Amino acid sequence: MEVPARMSFPRMLSLEQVQEILNLGMPSIFALVKSGELRAPQFGGRNVWRVREDDLAAYIDAAYAKTAESIASGQLPEGDSPIDS
């Protein structure tokens, strides 16, 4: 008799965990979710949001790519440089 394979589920992160990983304030995290830049479905009830680890990695990769494009094209706003601080 063949044993059925166990389903594999993606690791889910709370918005608080995402906030800690990105080192952003919760209003910024909510803005990313609301804009669709960061995928996060709501589960169960109020304020139960989760982000798949893969979706967070995709958001981070996209942020790196967007920043690299801005730097390469010279379109990084003045005062918005990591060496200006």
PDB file of N, CA and C in Angstrom:
ATOM      1  N   MET A   1       0.846  -1.180   0.000  1.00  0.00           N
ATOM      2  CA  MET A   1       0.000   0.000   0.000  1.00  0.00           C
ATOM      3  C   MET A   1       0.892   1.245   0.000  1.00  0.00           C
ATOM      4  N   GLU A   2       0.597   2.146  -0.908  1.00  0.00           N
ATOM      5  CA  GLU A   2       1.399   3.373  -1.054  1.00  0.00           C
ATOM      6  C   GLU A   2       0.927   4.445  -0.070  1.00  0.00           C
ATOM      7  N   VAL A   3       1.889   5.051   0.606  1.00  0.00           N
ATOM      8  CA  VAL A   3       1.572   6.119   1.558  1.00  0.00           C
ATOM      9  C   VAL A   3       1.494   7.433   0.793  1.00  0.00           C
ATOM     10  N   PRO A   4       0.396   8.200   0.950  1.00  0.00           N
ATOM     11  CA  PRO A   4       0.292   9.476   0.228  1.00  0.00           C
ATOM     12  C   PRO A   4       1.369  10.458   0.696  1.00  0.00           C
ATOM     13  N   ALA A   5       1.857  11.226  -0.253  1.00  0.00           N
ATOM     14  CA  ALA A   5       2.881  12.229   0.063  1.00  0.00           C
ATOM     15  C   ALA A   5       2.268  13.352   0.888  1.00  0.00           C
ATOM     16  N   ARG A   6       3.039  13.857   1.806  1.00  0.00           N
ATOM     17  CA  ARG A   6       2.583  14.974   2.640  1.00  0.00           C
ATOM     18  C   ARG A   6       2.627  16.252   1.802  1.00  0.00           C
ATOM     19  N   MET A   7       1.575  17.050   1.916  1.00  0.00           N
ATOM     20  CA  MET A   7       1.542  18.321   1.191  1.00  0.00           C
ATOM     21  C   MET A   7       2.547  19.278   1.801  1.00  0.00           C
ATOM     22  N   SER A   8       3.166  20.039   0.949  1.00  0.00           N
ATOM     23  CA  SER A   8       4.121  21.039   1.419  1.00  0.00           C
ATOM     24  C   SER A   8       3.471  22.414   1.320  1.00  0.00           C
ATOM     25  N   PHE A   9       3.495  23.154   2.412  1.00  0.00           N
ATOM     26  CA  PHE A   9       2.899  24.479   2.441  1.00  0.00           C
ATOM     27  C   PHE A   9       3.993  25.526   2.560  1.00  0.00           C
ATOM     28  N   PRO A  10       3.779  26.692   1.958  1.00  0.00           N
ATOM     29  CA  PRO A  10       4.785  27.753   2.080  1.00  0.00           C
ATOM     30  C   PRO A  10       4.821  28.299   3.500  1.00  0.00           C
ATOM     31  N   ARG A  11       5.984  28.771   3.909  1.00  0.00           N
ATOM     32  CA  ARG A  11       6.109  29.396   5.227  1.00  0.00           C
ATOM     33  C   ARG A  11       5.398  30.739   5.179  1.00  0.00           C
ATOM     34  N   MET A  12       4.553  30.980   6.161  1.00  0.00           N
ATOM     35  CA  MET A  12       3.785  32.217   6.229  1.00  0.00           C
ATOM     36  C   MET A  12       4.339  33.094   7.346  1.00  0.00           C
ATOM     37  N   LEU A  13       4.496  34.379   7.050  1.00  0.00           N
ATOM     38  CA  LEU A  13       5.013  35.343   8.013  1.00  0.00           C
ATOM     39  C   LEU A  13       3.910  36.319   8.401  1.00  0.00           C
ATOM     40  N   SER A  14       3.892  36.719   9.650  1.00  0.00           N
ATOM     41  CA  SER A  14       2.951  37.756  10.077  1.00  0.00           C
ATOM     42  C   SER A  14       3.474  39.110   9.594  1.00  0.00           C
ATOM     43  N   LEU A  15       2.605  40.108   9.584  1.00  0.00           N
ATOM     44  CA  LEU A  15       3.059  41.446   9.191  1.00  0.00           C
ATOM     45  C   LEU A  15       4.094  41.977  10.177  1.00  0.00           C
ATOM     46  N   GLU A  16       3.993  41.568  11.425  1.00  0.00           N
ATOM     47  CA  GLU A  16       4.983  41.984  12.419  1.00  0.00           C
ATOM     48  C   GLU A  16       6.357  41.402  12.089  1.00  0.00           C
ATOM     49  N   GLN A  17       6.382  40.154  11.624  1.00  0.00           N
ATOM     50  CA  GLN A  17       7.653  39.547  11.223  1.00  0.00           C
ATOM     51  C   GLN A  17       8.223  40.247   9.993  1.00  0.00           C
ATOM     52  N   VAL A  18       7.355  40.568   9.040  1.00  0.00           N
ATOM     53  CA  VAL A  18       7.791  41.289   7.844  1.00  0.00           C
ATOM     54  C   VAL A  18       8.339  42.659   8.235  1.00  0.00           C
ATOM     55  N   GLN A  19       7.657  43.323   9.156  1.00  0.00           N
ATOM     56  CA  GLN A  19       8.102  44.629   9.645  1.00  0.00           C
ATOM     57  C   GLN A  19       9.512  44.525  10.219  1.00  0.00           C
ATOM     58  N   GLU A  20       9.758  43.496  10.993  1.00  0.00           N
ATOM     59  CA  GLU A  20      11.076  43.310  11.606  1.00  0.00           C
ATOM     60  C   GLU A  20      12.135  43.002  10.544  1.00  0.00           C
ATOM     61  N   ILE A  21      11.806  42.165   9.589  1.00  0.00           N
ATOM     62  CA  ILE A  21      12.759  41.798   8.540  1.00  0.00           C
ATOM     63  C   ILE A  21      13.134  43.007   7.698  1.00  0.00           C
ATOM     64  N   LEU A  22      12.133  43.823   7.313  1.00  0.00           N
ATOM     65  CA  LEU A  22      12.393  44.982   6.452  1.00  0.00           C
ATOM     66  C   LEU A  22      12.819  46.218   7.239  1.00  0.00           C
ATOM     67  N   ASN A  23      12.661  46.168   8.555  1.00  0.00           N
ATOM     68  CA  ASN A  23      12.995  47.310   9.414  1.00  0.00           C
ATOM     69  C   ASN A  23      12.226  48.563   8.981  1.00  0.00           C
ATOM     70  N   LEU A  24      10.913  48.379   8.794  1.00  0.00           N
ATOM     71  CA  LEU A  24      10.014  49.472   8.414  1.00  0.00           C
ATOM     72  C   LEU A  24       8.929  49.601   9.471  1.00  0.00           C
ATOM     73  N   GLY A  25       8.276  50.748   9.506  1.00  0.00           N
ATOM     74  CA  GLY A  25       7.145  50.946  10.396  1.00  0.00           C
ATOM     75  C   GLY A  25       5.916  50.226   9.863  1.00  0.00           C
ATOM     76  N   MET A  26       4.992  49.926  10.746  1.00  0.00           N
ATOM     77  CA  MET A  26       3.779  49.220  10.336  1.00  0.00           C
ATOM     78  C   MET A  26       2.969  50.007   9.307  1.00  0.00           C
ATOM     79  N   PRO A  27       2.892  51.354   9.376  1.00  0.00           N
ATOM     80  CA  PRO A  27       2.180  52.068   8.311  1.00  0.00           C
ATOM     81  C   PRO A  27       2.791  51.812   6.927  1.00  0.00           C
ATOM     82  N   SER A  28       4.102  51.690   6.858  1.00  0.00           N
ATOM     83  CA  SER A  28       4.758  51.392   5.576  1.00  0.00           C
ATOM     84  C   SER A  28       4.423  49.987   5.099  1.00  0.00           C
ATOM     85  N   ILE A  29       4.367  49.038   6.024  1.00  0.00           N
ATOM     86  CA  ILE A  29       4.011  47.661   5.664  1.00  0.00           C
ATOM     87  C   ILE A  29       2.581  47.619   5.136  1.00  0.00           C
ATOM     88  N   PHE A  30       1.643  48.286   5.831  1.00  0.00           N
ATOM     89  CA  PHE A  30       0.256  48.326   5.363  1.00  0.00           C
ATOM     90  C   PHE A  30       0.158  48.995   3.993  1.00  0.00           C
ATOM     91  N   ALA A  31       0.943  50.044   3.762  1.00  0.00           N
ATOM     92  CA  ALA A  31       0.931  50.728   2.465  1.00  0.00           C
ATOM     93  C   ALA A  31       1.413  49.792   1.358  1.00  0.00           C
ATOM     94  N   LEU A  32       2.435  48.997   1.624  1.00  0.00           N
ATOM     95  CA  LEU A  32       2.928  48.036   0.629  1.00  0.00           C
ATOM     96  C   LEU A  32       1.870  46.989   0.306  1.00  0.00           C
ATOM     97  N   VAL A  33       1.160  46.522   1.330  1.00  0.00           N
ATOM     98  CA  VAL A  33       0.101  45.534   1.121  1.00  0.00           C
ATOM     99  C   VAL A  33      -1.056  46.164   0.351  1.00  0.00           C
ATOM    100  N   LYS A  34      -1.479  47.355   0.768  1.00  0.00           N
ATOM    101  CA  LYS A  34      -2.614  48.033   0.131  1.00  0.00           C
ATOM    102  C   LYS A  34      -2.335  48.338  -1.338  1.00  0.00           C
ATOM    103  N   SER A  35      -1.087  48.709  -1.654  1.00  0.00           N
ATOM    104  CA  SER A  35      -0.725  49.035  -3.035  1.00  0.00           C
ATOM    105  C   SER A  35      -0.571  47.795  -3.908  1.00  0.00           C
ATOM    106  N   GLY A  36      -0.460  46.628  -3.273  1.00  0.00           N
ATOM    107  CA  GLY A  36      -0.257  45.397  -4.029  1.00  0.00           C
ATOM    108  C   GLY A  36       1.210  45.082  -4.282  1.00  0.00           C
ATOM    109  N   GLU A  37       2.106  45.962  -3.835  1.00  0.00           N
ATOM    110  CA  GLU A  37       3.538  45.696  -4.016  1.00  0.00           C
ATOM    111  C   GLU A  37       3.973  44.466  -3.235  1.00  0.00           C
ATOM    112  N   LEU A  38       3.346  44.245  -2.095  1.00  0.00           N
ATOM    113  CA  LEU A  38       3.640  43.082  -1.263  1.00  0.00           C
ATOM    114  C   LEU A  38       2.349  42.292  -1.103  1.00  0.00           C
ATOM    115  N   ARG A  39       2.345  41.075  -1.619  1.00  0.00           N
ATOM    116  CA  ARG A  39       1.144  40.237  -1.554  1.00  0.00           C
ATOM    117  C   ARG A  39       0.932  39.732  -0.136  1.00  0.00           C
ATOM    118  N   ALA A  40      -0.277  39.920   0.362  1.00  0.00           N
ATOM    119  CA  ALA A  40      -0.603  39.467   1.717  1.00  0.00           C
ATOM    120  C   ALA A  40      -2.103  39.238   1.829  1.00  0.00           C
ATOM    121  N   PRO A  41      -2.537  37.992   1.791  1.00  0.00           N
ATOM    122  CA  PRO A  41      -3.958  37.729   1.986  1.00  0.00           C
ATOM    123  C   PRO A  41      -4.340  37.810   3.458  1.00  0.00           C
ATOM    124  N   GLN A  42      -5.618  38.055   3.670  1.00  0.00           N
ATOM    125  CA  GLN A  42      -6.159  38.108   5.029  1.00  0.00           C
ATOM    126  C   GLN A  42      -6.782  36.744   5.331  1.00  0.00           C
ATOM    127  N   PHE A  43      -6.477  36.208   6.497  1.00  0.00           N
ATOM    128  CA  PHE A  43      -7.003  34.910   6.899  1.00  0.00           C
ATOM    129  C   PHE A  43      -7.839  35.056   8.155  1.00  0.00           C
ATOM    130  N   GLY A  44      -8.842  34.220   8.267  1.00  0.00           N
ATOM    131  CA  GLY A  44      -9.606  34.138   9.511  1.00  0.00           C
ATOM    132  C   GLY A  44     -10.402  35.373   9.827  1.00  0.00           C
ATOM    133  N   GLY A  45      -9.814  36.272  10.533  1.00  0.00           N
ATOM    134  CA  GLY A  45     -10.552  37.440  10.982  1.00  0.00           C
ATOM    135  C   GLY A  45      -9.775  38.714  10.796  1.00  0.00           C
ATOM    136  N   ARG A  46     -10.221  39.683  11.527  1.00  0.00           N
ATOM    137  CA  ARG A  46      -9.650  41.016  11.425  1.00  0.00           C
ATOM    138  C   ARG A  46      -8.175  41.019  11.844  1.00  0.00           C
ATOM    139  N   ASN A  47      -7.376  41.734  11.084  1.00  0.00           N
ATOM    140  CA  ASN A  47      -5.950  41.908  11.363  1.00  0.00           C
ATOM    141  C   ASN A  47      -5.144  40.616  11.354  1.00  0.00           C
ATOM    142  N   VAL A  48      -5.622  39.602  10.643  1.00  0.00           N
ATOM    143  CA  VAL A  48      -4.850  38.370  10.500  1.00  0.00           C
ATOM    144  C   VAL A  48      -4.363  38.302   9.055  1.00  0.00           C
ATOM    145  N   TRP A  49      -3.233  38.922   8.819  1.00  0.00           N
ATOM    146  CA  TRP A  49      -2.628  38.977   7.494  1.00  0.00           C
ATOM    147  C   TRP A  49      -1.371  38.122   7.496  1.00  0.00           C
ATOM    148  N   ARG A  50      -1.084  37.492   6.371  1.00  0.00           N
ATOM    149  CA  ARG A  50       0.115  36.677   6.267  1.00  0.00           C
ATOM    150  C   ARG A  50       0.785  36.929   4.914  1.00  0.00           C
ATOM    151  N   VAL A  51       2.092  36.823   4.919  1.00  0.00           N
ATOM    152  CA  VAL A  51       2.894  36.995   3.708  1.00  0.00           C
ATOM    153  C   VAL A  51       3.689  35.713   3.512  1.00  0.00           C
ATOM    154  N   ARG A  52       3.587  35.140   2.325  1.00  0.00           N
ATOM    155  CA  ARG A  52       4.411  33.966   2.040  1.00  0.00           C
ATOM    156  C   ARG A  52       5.870  34.394   1.986  1.00  0.00           C
ATOM    157  N   GLU A  53       6.735  33.575   2.507  1.00  0.00           N
ATOM    158  CA  GLU A  53       8.166  33.856   2.496  1.00  0.00           C
ATOM    159  C   GLU A  53       8.647  34.135   1.065  1.00  0.00           C
ATOM    160  N   ASP A  54       8.139  33.364   0.094  1.00  0.00           N
ATOM    161  CA  ASP A  54       8.524  33.559  -1.311  1.00  0.00           C
ATOM    162  C   ASP A  54       8.078  34.920  -1.832  1.00  0.00           C
ATOM    163  N   ASP A  55       6.900  35.390  -1.399  1.00  0.00           N
ATOM    164  CA  ASP A  55       6.419  36.701  -1.838  1.00  0.00           C
ATOM    165  C   ASP A  55       7.264  37.823  -1.246  1.00  0.00           C
ATOM    166  N   LEU A  56       7.714  37.653  -0.007  1.00  0.00           N
ATOM    167  CA  LEU A  56       8.597  38.652   0.593  1.00  0.00           C
ATOM    168  C   LEU A  56       9.931  38.673  -0.145  1.00  0.00           C
ATOM    169  N   ALA A  57      10.462  37.500  -0.472  1.00  0.00           N
ATOM    170  CA  ALA A  57      11.719  37.430  -1.223  1.00  0.00           C
ATOM    171  C   ALA A  57      11.564  38.089  -2.591  1.00  0.00           C
ATOM    172  N   ALA A  58      10.427  37.887  -3.250  1.00  0.00           N
ATOM    173  CA  ALA A  58      10.177  38.508  -4.555  1.00  0.00           C
ATOM    174  C   ALA A  58      10.107  40.027  -4.425  1.00  0.00           C
ATOM    175  N   TYR A  59       9.462  40.515  -3.358  1.00  0.00           N
ATOM    176  CA  TYR A  59       9.396  41.963  -3.128  1.00  0.00           C
ATOM    177  C   TYR A  59      10.799  42.537  -2.923  1.00  0.00           C
ATOM    178  N   ILE A  60      11.610  41.865  -2.119  1.00  0.00           N
ATOM    179  CA  ILE A  60      12.973  42.336  -1.865  1.00  0.00           C
ATOM    180  C   ILE A  60      13.788  42.337  -3.156  1.00  0.00           C
ATOM    181  N   ASP A  61      13.680  41.274  -3.955  1.00  0.00           N
ATOM    182  CA  ASP A  61      14.396  41.217  -5.239  1.00  0.00           C
ATOM    183  C   ASP A  61      13.961  42.353  -6.157  1.00  0.00           C
ATOM    184  N   ALA A  62      12.653  42.626  -6.202  1.00  0.00           N
ATOM    185  CA  ALA A  62      12.138  43.710  -7.047  1.00  0.00           C
ATOM    186  C   ALA A  62      12.638  45.067  -6.560  1.00  0.00           C
ATOM    187  N   ALA A  63      12.739  45.244  -5.241  1.00  0.00           N
ATOM    188  CA  ALA A  63      13.242  46.508  -4.690  1.00  0.00           C
ATOM    189  C   ALA A  63      14.703  46.721  -5.080  1.00  0.00           C
ATOM    190  N   TYR A  64      15.499  45.661  -5.031  1.00  0.00           N
ATOM    191  CA  TYR A  64      16.897  45.760  -5.462  1.00  0.00           C
ATOM    192  C   TYR A  64      16.984  46.143  -6.938  1.00  0.00           C
ATOM    193  N   ALA A  65      16.169  45.487  -7.774  1.00  0.00           N
ATOM    194  CA  ALA A  65      16.194  45.763  -9.211  1.00  0.00           C
ATOM    195  C   ALA A  65      15.762  47.198  -9.502  1.00  0.00           C
ATOM    196  N   LYS A  66      14.703  47.654  -8.841  1.00  0.00           N
ATOM    197  CA  LYS A  66      14.199  49.019  -9.041  1.00  0.00           C
ATOM    198  C   LYS A  66      15.244  50.046  -8.616  1.00  0.00           C
ATOM    199  N   THR A  67      15.906  49.805  -7.490  1.00  0.00           N
ATOM    200  CA  THR A  67      16.938  50.723  -7.010  1.00  0.00           C
ATOM    201  C   THR A  67      18.117  50.751  -7.969  1.00  0.00           C
ATOM    202  N   ALA A  68      18.533  49.594  -8.458  1.00  0.00           N
ATOM    203  CA  ALA A  68      19.651  49.528  -9.407  1.00  0.00           C
ATOM    204  C   ALA A  68      19.322  50.300 -10.683  1.00  0.00           C
ATOM    205  N   GLU A  69      18.082  50.181 -11.170  1.00  0.00           N
ATOM    206  CA  GLU A  69      17.660  50.925 -12.363  1.00  0.00           C
ATOM    207  C   GLU A  69      17.697  52.425 -12.105  1.00  0.00           C
ATOM    208  N   SER A  70      17.207  52.850 -10.942  1.00  0.00           N
ATOM    209  CA  SER A  70      17.202  54.278 -10.599  1.00  0.00           C
ATOM    210  C   SER A  70      18.616  54.828 -10.523  1.00  0.00           C
ATOM    211  N   ILE A  71      19.520  54.084  -9.916  1.00  0.00           N
ATOM    212  CA  ILE A  71      20.910  54.524  -9.807  1.00  0.00           C
ATOM    213  C   ILE A  71      21.552  54.593 -11.186  1.00  0.00           C
ATOM    214  N   ALA A  72      21.343  53.564 -12.001  1.00  0.00           N
ATOM    215  CA  ALA A  72      21.945  53.510 -13.337  1.00  0.00           C
ATOM    216  C   ALA A  72      21.451  54.638 -14.231  1.00  0.00           C
ATOM    217  N   SER A  73      20.191  55.030 -14.069  1.00  0.00           N
ATOM    218  CA  SER A  73      19.631  56.083 -14.918  1.00  0.00           C
ATOM    219  C   SER A  73      19.822  57.472 -14.321  1.00  0.00           C
ATOM    220  N   GLY A  74      20.428  57.542 -13.130  1.00  0.00           N
ATOM    221  CA  GLY A  74      20.653  58.831 -12.482  1.00  0.00           C
ATOM    222  C   GLY A  74      19.386  59.457 -11.944  1.00  0.00           C
ATOM    223  N   GLN A  75      18.349  58.672 -11.715  1.00  0.00           N
ATOM    224  CA  GLN A  75      17.063  59.207 -11.271  1.00  0.00           C
ATOM    225  C   GLN A  75      16.816  59.037  -9.780  1.00  0.00           C
ATOM    226  N   LEU A  76      17.869  58.792  -9.014  1.00  0.00           N
ATOM    227  CA  LEU A  76      17.709  58.710  -7.573  1.00  0.00           C
ATOM    228  C   LEU A  76      17.591  60.130  -7.046  1.00  0.00           C
ATOM    229  N   PRO A  77      16.499  60.472  -6.352  1.00  0.00           N
ATOM    230  CA  PRO A  77      16.314  61.848  -5.878  1.00  0.00           C
ATOM    231  C   PRO A  77      17.460  62.297  -4.972  1.00  0.00           C
ATOM    232  N   GLU A  78      17.816  63.574  -5.075  1.00  0.00           N
ATOM    233  CA  GLU A  78      18.874  64.122  -4.233  1.00  0.00           C
ATOM    234  C   GLU A  78      18.469  63.984  -2.770  1.00  0.00           C
ATOM    235  N   GLY A  79      19.422  63.640  -1.948  1.00  0.00           N
ATOM    236  CA  GLY A  79      19.131  63.429  -0.537  1.00  0.00           C
ATOM    237  C   GLY A  79      18.581  62.047  -0.259  1.00  0.00           C
ATOM    238  N   ASP A  80      18.420  61.229  -1.306  1.00  0.00           N
ATOM    239  CA  ASP A  80      17.879  59.885  -1.152  1.00  0.00           C
ATOM    240  C   ASP A  80      18.965  58.854  -1.436  1.00  0.00           C
ATOM    241  N   SER A  81      20.164  59.153  -0.976  1.00  0.00           N
ATOM    242  CA  SER A  81      21.294  58.267  -1.206  1.00  0.00           C
ATOM    243  C   SER A  81      21.765  57.691   0.120  1.00  0.00           C
ATOM    244  N   PRO A  82      22.166  56.428   0.128  1.00  0.00           N
ATOM    245  CA  PRO A  82      22.638  55.847   1.387  1.00  0.00           C
ATOM    246  C   PRO A  82      23.903  56.523   1.911  1.00  0.00           C
ATOM    247  N   ILE A  83      24.624  57.245   1.049  1.00  0.00           N
ATOM    248  CA  ILE A  83      25.842  57.913   1.519  1.00  0.00           C
ATOM    249  C   ILE A  83      25.581  59.361   1.912  1.00  0.00           C
ATOM    250  N   ASP A  84      24.333  59.869   1.715  1.00  0.00           N
ATOM    251  CA  ASP A  84      23.985  61.239   2.109  1.00  0.00           C
ATOM    252  C   ASP A  84      23.731  61.355   3.604  1.00  0.00           C
ATOM    253  N   SER A  85      23.490  60.236   4.286  1.00  0.00           N
ATOM    254  CA  SER A  85      23.126  60.316   5.698  1.00  0.00           C
ATOM    255  C   SER A  85      24.313  60.461   6.602  1.00  0.00           C
TER     256      SER A  85
END
